[in-house]
Amino acid sequence: MASEPYFVVDLNDSGEFQRLLEGEPQTLGMRSGRVYLEPGKACGQHSTKHHEELLVFLSGSGELLISDEDRLPVGQGKIAYIPPHTIHDVSNTGDNPLIYIYCVAPTDSKPSE
């Protein structure tokens, strides 16, 4: 944890997940990490709950599945925004590793009743 309110984190180049931002008290609630997916692998379906999420794709190619319905192509040079309360998954459909940064921030959004 940094002693100042600002800091720099070095991205590693290993084939592993790397946590970048831990959330409170390191940030005001934002969390972030570097994801490394081998060809044919997926991050696993999950919900954003009351968070919004930004994905920044650094290399590779894949697919963003939204709520078992929409399939969007993603990969190097693209970003994806996922709103609160959205079920999603990212899969590597290419021949090389799919590497991306996720950034998750809390909102005060409540699900529709």
PDB file of N, CA and C in Angstrom:
ATOM      1  N   MET A   1       0.847  -1.187   0.000  1.00  0.00           N
ATOM      2  CA  MET A   1       0.000   0.000   0.000  1.00  0.00           C
ATOM      3  C   MET A   1       0.888   1.243   0.000  1.00  0.00           C
ATOM      4  N   ALA A   2       0.501   2.225  -0.769  1.00  0.00           N
ATOM      5  CA  ALA A   2       1.277   3.452  -0.893  1.00  0.00           C
ATOM      6  C   ALA A   2       1.022   4.379   0.291  1.00  0.00           C
ATOM      7  N   SER A   3       2.052   5.135   0.671  1.00  0.00           N
ATOM      8  CA  SER A   3       1.879   6.096   1.761  1.00  0.00           C
ATOM      9  C   SER A   3       1.323   7.418   1.243  1.00  0.00           C
ATOM     10  N   GLU A   4       1.379   7.651  -0.066  1.00  0.00           N
ATOM     11  CA  GLU A   4       0.831   8.850  -0.693  1.00  0.00           C
ATOM     12  C   GLU A   4      -0.509   8.491  -1.339  1.00  0.00           C
ATOM     13  N   PRO A   5      -1.358   9.489  -1.644  1.00  0.00           N
ATOM     14  CA  PRO A   5      -2.640   9.188  -2.282  1.00  0.00           C
ATOM     15  C   PRO A   5      -2.496   8.845  -3.764  1.00  0.00           C
ATOM     16  N   TYR A   6      -1.289   8.887  -4.294  1.00  0.00           N
ATOM     17  CA  TYR A   6      -1.041   8.550  -5.695  1.00  0.00           C
ATOM     18  C   TYR A   6       0.116   7.557  -5.743  1.00  0.00           C
ATOM     19  N   PHE A   7       0.157   6.764  -6.771  1.00  0.00           N
ATOM     20  CA  PHE A   7       1.204   5.753  -6.898  1.00  0.00           C
ATOM     21  C   PHE A   7       1.215   5.201  -8.302  1.00  0.00           C
ATOM     22  N   VAL A   8       2.244   4.441  -8.634  1.00  0.00           N
ATOM     23  CA  VAL A   8       2.396   3.792  -9.931  1.00  0.00           C
ATOM     24  C   VAL A   8       2.607   2.306  -9.662  1.00  0.00           C
ATOM     25  N   VAL A   9       1.960   1.469 -10.472  1.00  0.00           N
ATOM     26  CA  VAL A   9       2.103   0.018 -10.362  1.00  0.00           C
ATOM     27  C   VAL A   9       2.685  -0.498 -11.668  1.00  0.00           C
ATOM     28  N   ASP A  10       3.692  -1.344 -11.581  1.00  0.00           N
ATOM     29  CA  ASP A  10       4.273  -1.965 -12.771  1.00  0.00           C
ATOM     30  C   ASP A  10       3.438  -3.169 -13.168  1.00  0.00           C
ATOM     31  N   LEU A  11       3.060  -3.248 -14.449  1.00  0.00           N
ATOM     32  CA  LEU A  11       2.374  -4.432 -14.960  1.00  0.00           C
ATOM     33  C   LEU A  11       3.410  -5.528 -15.161  1.00  0.00           C
ATOM     34  N   ASN A  12       3.085  -6.739 -14.724  1.00  0.00           N
ATOM     35  CA  ASN A  12       4.008  -7.838 -14.990  1.00  0.00           C
ATOM     36  C   ASN A  12       3.672  -8.448 -16.344  1.00  0.00           C
ATOM     37  N   ASP A  13       4.532  -9.293 -16.831  1.00  0.00           N
ATOM     38  CA  ASP A  13       4.277  -9.938 -18.115  1.00  0.00           C
ATOM     39  C   ASP A  13       4.165 -11.446 -17.970  1.00  0.00           C
ATOM     40  N   SER A  14       3.827 -11.893 -16.768  1.00  0.00           N
ATOM     41  CA  SER A  14       3.659 -13.326 -16.535  1.00  0.00           C
ATOM     42  C   SER A  14       2.270 -13.775 -16.976  1.00  0.00           C
ATOM     43  N   GLY A  15       2.082 -15.072 -17.061  1.00  0.00           N
ATOM     44  CA  GLY A  15       0.799 -15.636 -17.445  1.00  0.00           C
ATOM     45  C   GLY A  15      -0.111 -15.826 -16.254  1.00  0.00           C
ATOM     46  N   GLU A  16      -0.178 -14.855 -15.379  1.00  0.00           N
ATOM     47  CA  GLU A  16      -0.995 -14.955 -14.172  1.00  0.00           C
ATOM     48  C   GLU A  16      -1.833 -13.700 -14.002  1.00  0.00           C
ATOM     49  N   PHE A  17      -2.865 -13.824 -13.160  1.00  0.00           N
ATOM     50  CA  PHE A  17      -3.662 -12.674 -12.752  1.00  0.00           C
ATOM     51  C   PHE A  17      -2.785 -11.756 -11.908  1.00  0.00           C
ATOM     52  N   GLN A  18      -2.954 -10.456 -12.048  1.00  0.00           N
ATOM     53  CA  GLN A  18      -2.227  -9.484 -11.235  1.00  0.00           C
ATOM     54  C   GLN A  18      -3.210  -8.472 -10.677  1.00  0.00           C
ATOM     55  N   ARG A  19      -3.347  -8.417  -9.363  1.00  0.00           N
ATOM     56  CA  ARG A  19      -4.195  -7.408  -8.732  1.00  0.00           C
ATOM     57  C   ARG A  19      -3.473  -6.070  -8.810  1.00  0.00           C
ATOM     58  N   LEU A  20      -4.187  -5.023  -9.224  1.00  0.00           N
ATOM     59  CA  LEU A  20      -3.595  -3.699  -9.365  1.00  0.00           C
ATOM     60  C   LEU A  20      -4.094  -2.745  -8.297  1.00  0.00           C
ATOM     61  N   LEU A  21      -5.413  -2.634  -8.138  1.00  0.00           N
ATOM     62  CA  LEU A  21      -6.013  -1.787  -7.108  1.00  0.00           C
ATOM     63  C   LEU A  21      -6.869  -2.658  -6.207  1.00  0.00           C
ATOM     64  N   GLU A  22      -6.687  -2.517  -4.911  1.00  0.00           N
ATOM     65  CA  GLU A  22      -7.351  -3.372  -3.930  1.00  0.00           C
ATOM     66  C   GLU A  22      -8.711  -2.868  -3.467  1.00  0.00           C
ATOM     67  N   GLY A  23      -9.052  -1.617  -3.738  1.00  0.00           N
ATOM     68  CA  GLY A  23     -10.254  -1.031  -3.153  1.00  0.00           C
ATOM     69  C   GLY A  23      -9.875  -0.311  -1.864  1.00  0.00           C
ATOM     70  N   GLU A  24     -10.839  -0.072  -1.007  1.00  0.00           N
ATOM     71  CA  GLU A  24     -10.583   0.659   0.238  1.00  0.00           C
ATOM     72  C   GLU A  24      -9.614  -0.115   1.124  1.00  0.00           C
ATOM     73  N   PRO A  25      -8.696   0.506   1.827  1.00  0.00           N
ATOM     74  CA  PRO A  25      -8.433   1.944   1.910  1.00  0.00           C
ATOM     75  C   PRO A  25      -7.471   2.459   0.842  1.00  0.00           C
ATOM     76  N   GLN A  26      -7.001   1.598  -0.060  1.00  0.00           N
ATOM     77  CA  GLN A  26      -6.071   2.023  -1.098  1.00  0.00           C
ATOM     78  C   GLN A  26      -6.729   3.026  -2.051  1.00  0.00           C
ATOM     79  N   THR A  27      -8.020   2.818  -2.363  1.00  0.00           N
ATOM     80  CA  THR A  27      -8.776   3.716  -3.232  1.00  0.00           C
ATOM     81  C   THR A  27     -10.100   4.040  -2.544  1.00  0.00           C
ATOM     82  N   LEU A  28     -10.929   4.815  -3.176  1.00  0.00           N
ATOM     83  CA  LEU A  28     -12.248   5.135  -2.627  1.00  0.00           C
ATOM     84  C   LEU A  28     -13.278   4.055  -2.948  1.00  0.00           C
ATOM     85  N   GLY A  29     -12.831   2.949  -3.487  1.00  0.00           N
ATOM     86  CA  GLY A  29     -13.725   1.848  -3.819  1.00  0.00           C
ATOM     87  C   GLY A  29     -13.405   1.188  -5.141  1.00  0.00           C
ATOM     88  N   MET A  30     -12.596   1.840  -5.976  1.00  0.00           N
ATOM     89  CA  MET A  30     -12.220   1.262  -7.264  1.00  0.00           C
ATOM     90  C   MET A  30     -11.289   0.073  -7.046  1.00  0.00           C
ATOM     91  N   ARG A  31     -11.532  -0.988  -7.836  1.00  0.00           N
ATOM     92  CA  ARG A  31     -10.654  -2.157  -7.847  1.00  0.00           C
ATOM     93  C   ARG A  31     -10.228  -2.405  -9.287  1.00  0.00           C
ATOM     94  N   SER A  32      -9.053  -2.996  -9.448  1.00  0.00           N
ATOM     95  CA  SER A  32      -8.544  -3.233 -10.782  1.00  0.00           C
ATOM     96  C   SER A  32      -7.576  -4.405 -10.771  1.00  0.00           C
ATOM     97  N   GLY A  33      -7.435  -5.034 -11.949  1.00  0.00           N
ATOM     98  CA  GLY A  33      -6.484  -6.127 -12.085  1.00  0.00           C
ATOM     99  C   GLY A  33      -6.169  -6.381 -13.544  1.00  0.00           C
ATOM    100  N   ARG A  34      -5.099  -7.153 -13.742  1.00  0.00           N
ATOM    101  CA  ARG A  34      -4.680  -7.566 -15.083  1.00  0.00           C
ATOM    102  C   ARG A  34      -5.040  -9.032 -15.241  1.00  0.00           C
ATOM    103  N   VAL A  35      -5.802  -9.348 -16.286  1.00  0.00           N
ATOM    104  CA  VAL A  35      -6.254 -10.720 -16.526  1.00  0.00           C
ATOM    105  C   VAL A  35      -5.496 -11.282 -17.721  1.00  0.00           C
ATOM    106  N   TYR A  36      -5.072 -12.538 -17.597  1.00  0.00           N
ATOM    107  CA  TYR A  36      -4.345 -13.242 -18.646  1.00  0.00           C
ATOM    108  C   TYR A  36      -5.105 -14.526 -18.931  1.00  0.00           C
ATOM    109  N   LEU A  37      -5.696 -14.634 -20.120  1.00  0.00           N
ATOM    110  CA  LEU A  37      -6.460 -15.824 -20.491  1.00  0.00           C
ATOM    111  C   LEU A  37      -5.769 -16.564 -21.630  1.00  0.00           C
ATOM    112  N   GLU A  38      -5.481 -17.823 -21.412  1.00  0.00           N
ATOM    113  CA  GLU A  38      -4.917 -18.675 -22.457  1.00  0.00           C
ATOM    114  C   GLU A  38      -5.996 -18.933 -23.520  1.00  0.00           C
ATOM    115  N   PRO A  39      -5.602 -19.297 -24.735  1.00  0.00           N
ATOM    116  CA  PRO A  39      -6.589 -19.624 -25.772  1.00  0.00           C
ATOM    117  C   PRO A  39      -7.579 -20.684 -25.276  1.00  0.00           C
ATOM    118  N   GLY A  40      -8.859 -20.451 -25.559  1.00  0.00           N
ATOM    119  CA  GLY A  40      -9.908 -21.381 -25.163  1.00  0.00           C
ATOM    120  C   GLY A  40     -10.415 -21.209 -23.743  1.00  0.00           C
ATOM    121  N   LYS A  41      -9.803 -20.335 -22.951  1.00  0.00           N
ATOM    122  CA  LYS A  41     -10.207 -20.132 -21.551  1.00  0.00           C
ATOM    123  C   LYS A  41     -11.156 -18.940 -21.433  1.00  0.00           C
ATOM    124  N   ALA A  42     -11.882 -18.898 -20.299  1.00  0.00           N
ATOM    125  CA  ALA A  42     -12.803 -17.800 -20.011  1.00  0.00           C
ATOM    126  C   ALA A  42     -12.597 -17.352 -18.573  1.00  0.00           C
ATOM    127  N   CYS A  43     -13.018 -16.130 -18.264  1.00  0.00           N
ATOM    128  CA  CYS A  43     -12.871 -15.629 -16.892  1.00  0.00           C
ATOM    129  C   CYS A  43     -13.959 -16.200 -15.989  1.00  0.00           C
ATOM    130  N   GLY A  44     -15.080 -16.618 -16.566  1.00  0.00           N
ATOM    131  CA  GLY A  44     -16.184 -17.161 -15.777  1.00  0.00           C
ATOM    132  C   GLY A  44     -17.314 -16.156 -15.657  1.00  0.00           C
ATOM    133  N   GLN A  45     -18.518 -16.612 -15.878  1.00  0.00           N
ATOM    134  CA  GLN A  45     -19.686 -15.733 -15.837  1.00  0.00           C
ATOM    135  C   GLN A  45     -19.881 -15.174 -14.430  1.00  0.00           C
ATOM    136  N   HIS A  46     -20.113 -13.858 -14.354  1.00  0.00           N
ATOM    137  CA  HIS A  46     -20.329 -13.186 -13.076  1.00  0.00           C
ATOM    138  C   HIS A  46     -21.118 -11.891 -13.313  1.00  0.00           C
ATOM    139  N   SER A  47     -21.575 -11.287 -12.223  1.00  0.00           N
ATOM    140  CA  SER A  47     -22.367 -10.058 -12.301  1.00  0.00           C
ATOM    141  C   SER A  47     -21.546  -8.871 -11.821  1.00  0.00           C
ATOM    142  N   THR A  48     -21.809  -7.720 -12.401  1.00  0.00           N
ATOM    143  CA  THR A  48     -21.181  -6.492 -11.933  1.00  0.00           C
ATOM    144  C   THR A  48     -21.801  -6.022 -10.613  1.00  0.00           C
ATOM    145  N   LYS A  49     -22.959  -6.595 -10.240  1.00  0.00           N
ATOM    146  CA  LYS A  49     -23.708  -6.176  -9.042  1.00  0.00           C
ATOM    147  C   LYS A  49     -23.893  -4.666  -9.087  1.00  0.00           C
ATOM    148  N   HIS A  50     -23.551  -3.958  -8.015  1.00  0.00           N
ATOM    149  CA  HIS A  50     -23.765  -2.505  -7.983  1.00  0.00           C
ATOM    150  C   HIS A  50     -22.525  -1.736  -8.454  1.00  0.00           C
ATOM    151  N   HIS A  51     -21.705  -2.373  -9.284  1.00  0.00           N
ATOM    152  CA  HIS A  51     -20.508  -1.736  -9.829  1.00  0.00           C
ATOM    153  C   HIS A  51     -20.656  -1.527 -11.343  1.00  0.00           C
ATOM    154  N   GLU A  52     -19.930  -0.547 -11.851  1.00  0.00           N
ATOM    155  CA  GLU A  52     -19.749  -0.441 -13.284  1.00  0.00           C
ATOM    156  C   GLU A  52     -18.332  -0.916 -13.573  1.00  0.00           C
ATOM    157  N   GLU A  53     -18.113  -1.431 -14.793  1.00  0.00           N
ATOM    158  CA  GLU A  53     -16.818  -2.033 -15.098  1.00  0.00           C
ATOM    159  C   GLU A  53     -16.332  -1.589 -16.472  1.00  0.00           C
ATOM    160  N   LEU A  54     -15.024  -1.334 -16.546  1.00  0.00           N
ATOM    161  CA  LEU A  54     -14.367  -0.993 -17.804  1.00  0.00           C
ATOM    162  C   LEU A  54     -13.302  -2.053 -18.067  1.00  0.00           C
ATOM    163  N   LEU A  55     -13.271  -2.589 -19.282  1.00  0.00           N
ATOM    164  CA  LEU A  55     -12.254  -3.548 -19.698  1.00  0.00           C
ATOM    165  C   LEU A  55     -11.400  -2.885 -20.780  1.00  0.00           C
ATOM    166  N   VAL A  56     -10.080  -2.933 -20.620  1.00  0.00           N
ATOM    167  CA  VAL A  56      -9.142  -2.368 -21.594  1.00  0.00           C
ATOM    168  C   VAL A  56      -8.302  -3.523 -22.116  1.00  0.00           C
ATOM    169  N   PHE A  57      -8.462  -3.861 -23.380  1.00  0.00           N
ATOM    170  CA  PHE A  57      -7.804  -5.027 -23.966  1.00  0.00           C
ATOM    171  C   PHE A  57      -6.431  -4.648 -24.510  1.00  0.00           C
ATOM    172  N   LEU A  58      -5.408  -5.324 -24.010  1.00  0.00           N
ATOM    173  CA  LEU A  58      -4.024  -5.025 -24.356  1.00  0.00           C
ATOM    174  C   LEU A  58      -3.493  -5.905 -25.480  1.00  0.00           C
ATOM    175  N   SER A  59      -3.932  -7.172 -25.532  1.00  0.00           N
ATOM    176  CA  SER A  59      -3.471  -8.070 -26.585  1.00  0.00           C
ATOM    177  C   SER A  59      -4.436  -9.234 -26.741  1.00  0.00           C
ATOM    178  N   GLY A  60      -4.347  -9.890 -27.894  1.00  0.00           N
ATOM    179  CA  GLY A  60      -5.181 -11.050 -28.156  1.00  0.00           C
ATOM    180  C   GLY A  60      -6.538 -10.683 -28.734  1.00  0.00           C
ATOM    181  N   SER A  61      -7.404 -11.705 -28.837  1.00  0.00           N
ATOM    182  CA  SER A  61      -8.758 -11.502 -29.338  1.00  0.00           C
ATOM    183  C   SER A  61      -9.701 -12.439 -28.602  1.00  0.00           C
ATOM    184  N   GLY A  62     -10.933 -11.993 -28.468  1.00  0.00           N
ATOM    185  CA  GLY A  62     -11.894 -12.794 -27.727  1.00  0.00           C
ATOM    186  C   GLY A  62     -13.306 -12.319 -27.938  1.00  0.00           C
ATOM    187  N   GLU A  63     -14.136 -12.685 -26.970  1.00  0.00           N
ATOM    188  CA  GLU A  63     -15.563 -12.408 -27.052  1.00  0.00           C
ATOM    189  C   GLU A  63     -16.080 -12.030 -25.670  1.00  0.00           C
ATOM    190  N   LEU A  64     -16.915 -10.997 -25.636  1.00  0.00           N
ATOM    191  CA  LEU A  64     -17.592 -10.580 -24.417  1.00  0.00           C
ATOM    192  C   LEU A  64     -19.032 -11.064 -24.517  1.00  0.00           C
ATOM    193  N   LEU A  65     -19.431 -11.940 -23.608  1.00  0.00           N
ATOM    194  CA  LEU A  65     -20.791 -12.466 -23.567  1.00  0.00           C
ATOM    195  C   LEU A  65     -21.565 -11.680 -22.519  1.00  0.00           C
ATOM    196  N   ILE A  66     -22.677 -11.097 -22.929  1.00  0.00           N
ATOM    197  CA  ILE A  66     -23.526 -10.317 -22.027  1.00  0.00           C
ATOM    198  C   ILE A  66     -24.836 -11.067 -21.825  1.00  0.00           C
ATOM    199  N   SER A  67     -25.125 -11.447 -20.581  1.00  0.00           N
ATOM    200  CA  SER A  67     -26.402 -12.063 -20.187  1.00  0.00           C
ATOM    201  C   SER A  67     -26.832 -13.232 -21.071  1.00  0.00           C
ATOM    202  N   ASP A  68     -25.917 -14.080 -21.502  1.00  0.00           N
ATOM    203  CA  ASP A  68     -26.219 -15.254 -22.338  1.00  0.00           C
ATOM    204  C   ASP A  68     -26.883 -14.895 -23.666  1.00  0.00           C
ATOM    205  N   GLU A  69     -26.867 -13.628 -24.064  1.00  0.00           N
ATOM    206  CA  GLU A  69     -27.562 -13.213 -25.282  1.00  0.00           C
ATOM    207  C   GLU A  69     -26.651 -12.562 -26.303  1.00  0.00           C
ATOM    208  N   ASP A  70     -25.951 -11.515 -25.913  1.00  0.00           N
ATOM    209  CA  ASP A  70     -25.141 -10.743 -26.855  1.00  0.00           C
ATOM    210  C   ASP A  70     -23.683 -11.178 -26.782  1.00  0.00           C
ATOM    211  N   ARG A  71     -23.086 -11.378 -27.945  1.00  0.00           N
ATOM    212  CA  ARG A  71     -21.669 -11.729 -28.061  1.00  0.00           C
ATOM    213  C   ARG A  71     -20.981 -10.612 -28.841  1.00  0.00           C
ATOM    214  N   LEU A  72     -20.031  -9.949 -28.177  1.00  0.00           N
ATOM    215  CA  LEU A  72     -19.338  -8.821 -28.783  1.00  0.00           C
ATOM    216  C   LEU A  72     -17.866  -9.163 -28.967  1.00  0.00           C
ATOM    217  N   PRO A  73     -17.297  -8.903 -30.151  1.00  0.00           N
ATOM    218  CA  PRO A  73     -15.874  -9.161 -30.351  1.00  0.00           C
ATOM    219  C   PRO A  73     -15.039  -8.143 -29.564  1.00  0.00           C
ATOM    220  N   VAL A  74     -14.003  -8.638 -28.903  1.00  0.00           N
ATOM    221  CA  VAL A  74     -13.090  -7.776 -28.144  1.00  0.00           C
ATOM    222  C   VAL A  74     -11.662  -8.209 -28.451  1.00  0.00           C
ATOM    223  N   GLY A  75     -10.722  -7.358 -28.109  1.00  0.00           N
ATOM    224  CA  GLY A  75      -9.317  -7.680 -28.307  1.00  0.00           C
ATOM    225  C   GLY A  75      -8.471  -6.430 -28.310  1.00  0.00           C
ATOM    226  N   GLN A  76      -7.206  -6.616 -28.654  1.00  0.00           N
ATOM    227  CA  GLN A  76      -6.232  -5.540 -28.619  1.00  0.00           C
ATOM    228  C   GLN A  76      -6.761  -4.271 -29.264  1.00  0.00           C
ATOM    229  N   GLY A  77      -6.605  -3.150 -28.538  1.00  0.00           N
ATOM    230  CA  GLY A  77      -7.030  -1.858 -29.051  1.00  0.00           C
ATOM    231  C   GLY A  77      -8.487  -1.525 -28.806  1.00  0.00           C
ATOM    232  N   LYS A  78      -9.207  -2.380 -28.072  1.00  0.00           N
ATOM    233  CA  LYS A  78     -10.626  -2.130 -27.780  1.00  0.00           C
ATOM    234  C   LYS A  78     -10.823  -1.958 -26.278  1.00  0.00           C
ATOM    235  N   ILE A  79     -11.898  -1.259 -25.941  1.00  0.00           N
ATOM    236  CA  ILE A  79     -12.357  -1.198 -24.557  1.00  0.00           C
ATOM    237  C   ILE A  79     -13.818  -1.636 -24.543  1.00  0.00           C
ATOM    238  N   ALA A  80     -14.280  -2.070 -23.378  1.00  0.00           N
ATOM    239  CA  ALA A  80     -15.690  -2.435 -23.215  1.00  0.00           C
ATOM    240  C   ALA A  80     -16.180  -1.862 -21.897  1.00  0.00           C
ATOM    241  N   TYR A  81     -17.381  -1.308 -21.917  1.00  0.00           N
ATOM    242  CA  TYR A  81     -18.030  -0.813 -20.702  1.00  0.00           C
ATOM    243  C   TYR A  81     -19.174  -1.760 -20.362  1.00  0.00           C
ATOM    244  N   ILE A  82     -19.266  -2.128 -19.082  1.00  0.00           N
ATOM    245  CA  ILE A  82     -20.328  -3.014 -18.622  1.00  0.00           C
ATOM    246  C   ILE A  82     -21.055  -2.311 -17.474  1.00  0.00           C
ATOM    247  N   PRO A  83     -22.343  -2.022 -17.645  1.00  0.00           N
ATOM    248  CA  PRO A  83     -23.082  -1.286 -16.618  1.00  0.00           C
ATOM    249  C   PRO A  83     -23.386  -2.146 -15.392  1.00  0.00           C
ATOM    250  N   PRO A  84     -23.841  -1.506 -14.307  1.00  0.00           N
ATOM    251  CA  PRO A  84     -24.210  -2.255 -13.095  1.00  0.00           C
ATOM    252  C   PRO A  84     -25.286  -3.305 -13.382  1.00  0.00           C
ATOM    253  N   HIS A  85     -25.281  -4.349 -12.561  1.00  0.00           N
ATOM    254  CA  HIS A  85     -26.294  -5.415 -12.590  1.00  0.00           C
ATOM    255  C   HIS A  85     -26.326  -6.161 -13.932  1.00  0.00           C
ATOM    256  N   THR A  86     -25.138  -6.401 -14.503  1.00  0.00           N
ATOM    257  CA  THR A  86     -25.029  -7.081 -15.790  1.00  0.00           C
ATOM    258  C   THR A  86     -24.223  -8.366 -15.645  1.00  0.00           C
ATOM    259  N   ILE A  87     -24.815  -9.480 -16.025  1.00  0.00           N
ATOM    260  CA  ILE A  87     -24.110 -10.761 -16.030  1.00  0.00           C
ATOM    261  C   ILE A  87     -23.275 -10.813 -17.307  1.00  0.00           C
ATOM    262  N   HIS A  88     -22.004 -11.214 -17.163  1.00  0.00           N
ATOM    263  CA  HIS A  88     -21.106 -11.219 -18.323  1.00  0.00           C
ATOM    264  C   HIS A  88     -19.974 -12.226 -18.134  1.00  0.00           C
ATOM    265  N   ASP A  89     -19.270 -12.488 -19.236  1.00  0.00           N
ATOM    266  CA  ASP A  89     -18.118 -13.377 -19.252  1.00  0.00           C
ATOM    267  C   ASP A  89     -17.214 -12.924 -20.398  1.00  0.00           C
ATOM    268  N   VAL A  90     -15.921 -13.141 -20.258  1.00  0.00           N
ATOM    269  CA  VAL A  90     -14.956 -12.852 -21.318  1.00  0.00           C
ATOM    270  C   VAL A  90     -14.259 -14.157 -21.657  1.00  0.00           C
ATOM    271  N   SER A  91     -14.190 -14.483 -22.945  1.00  0.00           N
ATOM    272  CA  SER A  91     -13.495 -15.706 -23.356  1.00  0.00           C
ATOM    273  C   SER A  91     -12.477 -15.391 -24.442  1.00  0.00           C
ATOM    274  N   ASN A  92     -11.413 -16.181 -24.454  1.00  0.00           N
ATOM    275  CA  ASN A  92     -10.368 -16.048 -25.455  1.00  0.00           C
ATOM    276  C   ASN A  92     -10.720 -16.953 -26.627  1.00  0.00           C
ATOM    277  N   THR A  93     -11.018 -16.361 -27.769  1.00  0.00           N
ATOM    278  CA  THR A  93     -11.367 -17.131 -28.961  1.00  0.00           C
ATOM    279  C   THR A  93     -10.221 -17.170 -29.964  1.00  0.00           C
ATOM    280  N   GLY A  94      -9.086 -16.578 -29.596  1.00  0.00           N
ATOM    281  CA  GLY A  94      -7.955 -16.507 -30.513  1.00  0.00           C
ATOM    282  C   GLY A  94      -6.913 -17.583 -30.242  1.00  0.00           C
ATOM    283  N   ASP A  95      -5.777 -17.451 -30.919  1.00  0.00           N
ATOM    284  CA  ASP A  95      -4.674 -18.409 -30.805  1.00  0.00           C
ATOM    285  C   ASP A  95      -3.577 -17.944 -29.856  1.00  0.00           C
ATOM    286  N   ASN A  96      -3.678 -16.708 -29.369  1.00  0.00           N
ATOM    287  CA  ASN A  96      -2.681 -16.135 -28.460  1.00  0.00           C
ATOM    288  C   ASN A  96      -3.362 -15.727 -27.159  1.00  0.00           C
ATOM    289  N   PRO A  97      -2.586 -15.463 -26.104  1.00  0.00           N
ATOM    290  CA  PRO A  97      -3.194 -15.020 -24.845  1.00  0.00           C
ATOM    291  C   PRO A  97      -4.034 -13.749 -25.038  1.00  0.00           C
ATOM    292  N   LEU A  98      -5.155 -13.682 -24.341  1.00  0.00           N
ATOM    293  CA  LEU A  98      -5.989 -12.483 -24.283  1.00  0.00           C
ATOM    294  C   LEU A  98      -5.659 -11.806 -22.960  1.00  0.00           C
ATOM    295  N   ILE A  99      -5.128 -10.597 -23.032  1.00  0.00           N
ATOM    296  CA  ILE A  99      -4.698  -9.880 -21.829  1.00  0.00           C
ATOM    297  C   ILE A  99      -5.483  -8.575 -21.758  1.00  0.00           C
ATOM    298  N   TYR A 100      -6.063  -8.333 -20.579  1.00  0.00           N
ATOM    299  CA  TYR A 100      -6.824  -7.091 -20.413  1.00  0.00           C
ATOM    300  C   TYR A 100      -6.772  -6.617 -18.966  1.00  0.00           C
ATOM    301  N   ILE A 101      -7.059  -5.346 -18.799  1.00  0.00           N
ATOM    302  CA  ILE A 101      -7.162  -4.713 -17.484  1.00  0.00           C
ATOM    303  C   ILE A 101      -8.639  -4.477 -17.224  1.00  0.00           C
ATOM    304  N   TYR A 102      -9.109  -4.865 -16.024  1.00  0.00           N
ATOM    305  CA  TYR A 102     -10.472  -4.494 -15.631  1.00  0.00           C
ATOM    306  C   TYR A 102     -10.386  -3.425 -14.551  1.00  0.00           C
ATOM    307  N   CYS A 103     -11.344  -2.543 -14.562  1.00  0.00           N
ATOM    308  CA  CYS A 103     -11.470  -1.481 -13.568  1.00  0.00           C
ATOM    309  C   CYS A 103     -12.923  -1.481 -13.122  1.00  0.00           C
ATOM    310  N   VAL A 104     -13.163  -1.713 -11.842  1.00  0.00           N
ATOM    311  CA  VAL A 104     -14.508  -1.809 -11.290  1.00  0.00           C
ATOM    312  C   VAL A 104     -14.691  -0.699 -10.264  1.00  0.00           C
ATOM    313  N   ALA A 105     -15.785   0.048 -10.387  1.00  0.00           N
ATOM    314  CA  ALA A 105     -16.067   1.144  -9.461  1.00  0.00           C
ATOM    315  C   ALA A 105     -17.498   1.024  -8.951  1.00  0.00           C
ATOM    316  N   PRO A 106     -17.700   1.244  -7.643  1.00  0.00           N
ATOM    317  CA  PRO A 106     -19.053   1.168  -7.096  1.00  0.00           C
ATOM    318  C   PRO A 106     -19.907   2.343  -7.537  1.00  0.00           C
ATOM    319  N   THR A 107     -21.203   2.075  -7.626  1.00  0.00           N
ATOM    320  CA  THR A 107     -22.185   3.122  -7.916  1.00  0.00           C
ATOM    321  C   THR A 107     -23.257   3.053  -6.848  1.00  0.00           C
ATOM    322  N   ASP A 108     -24.178   3.962  -6.873  1.00  0.00           N
ATOM    323  CA  ASP A 108     -25.306   3.864  -5.941  1.00  0.00           C
ATOM    324  C   ASP A 108     -26.523   3.283  -6.650  1.00  0.00           C
ATOM    325  N   SER A 109     -26.266   2.640  -7.788  1.00  0.00           N
ATOM    326  CA  SER A 109     -27.322   2.054  -8.600  1.00  0.00           C
ATOM    327  C   SER A 109     -27.990   0.886  -7.889  1.00  0.00           C
ATOM    328  N   LYS A 110     -29.295   0.852  -7.884  1.00  0.00           N
ATOM    329  CA  LYS A 110     -30.069  -0.239  -7.311  1.00  0.00           C
ATOM    330  C   LYS A 110     -30.779  -0.975  -8.434  1.00  0.00           C
ATOM    331  N   PRO A 111     -30.916  -2.310  -8.346  1.00  0.00           N
ATOM    332  CA  PRO A 111     -31.597  -3.037  -9.409  1.00  0.00           C
ATOM    333  C   PRO A 111     -33.068  -2.622  -9.528  1.00  0.00           C
ATOM    334  N   SER A 112     -33.587  -2.727 -10.743  1.00  0.00           N
ATOM    335  CA  SER A 112     -35.011  -2.407 -10.960  1.00  0.00           C
ATOM    336  C   SER A 112     -35.888  -3.395 -10.216  1.00  0.00           C
ATOM    337  N   GLU A 113     -36.964  -2.913  -9.677  1.00  0.00           N
ATOM    338  CA  GLU A 113     -37.888  -3.788  -8.922  1.00  0.00           C
ATOM    339  C   GLU A 113     -39.014  -4.220  -9.822  1.00  0.00           C
TER     340      GLU A 113
END
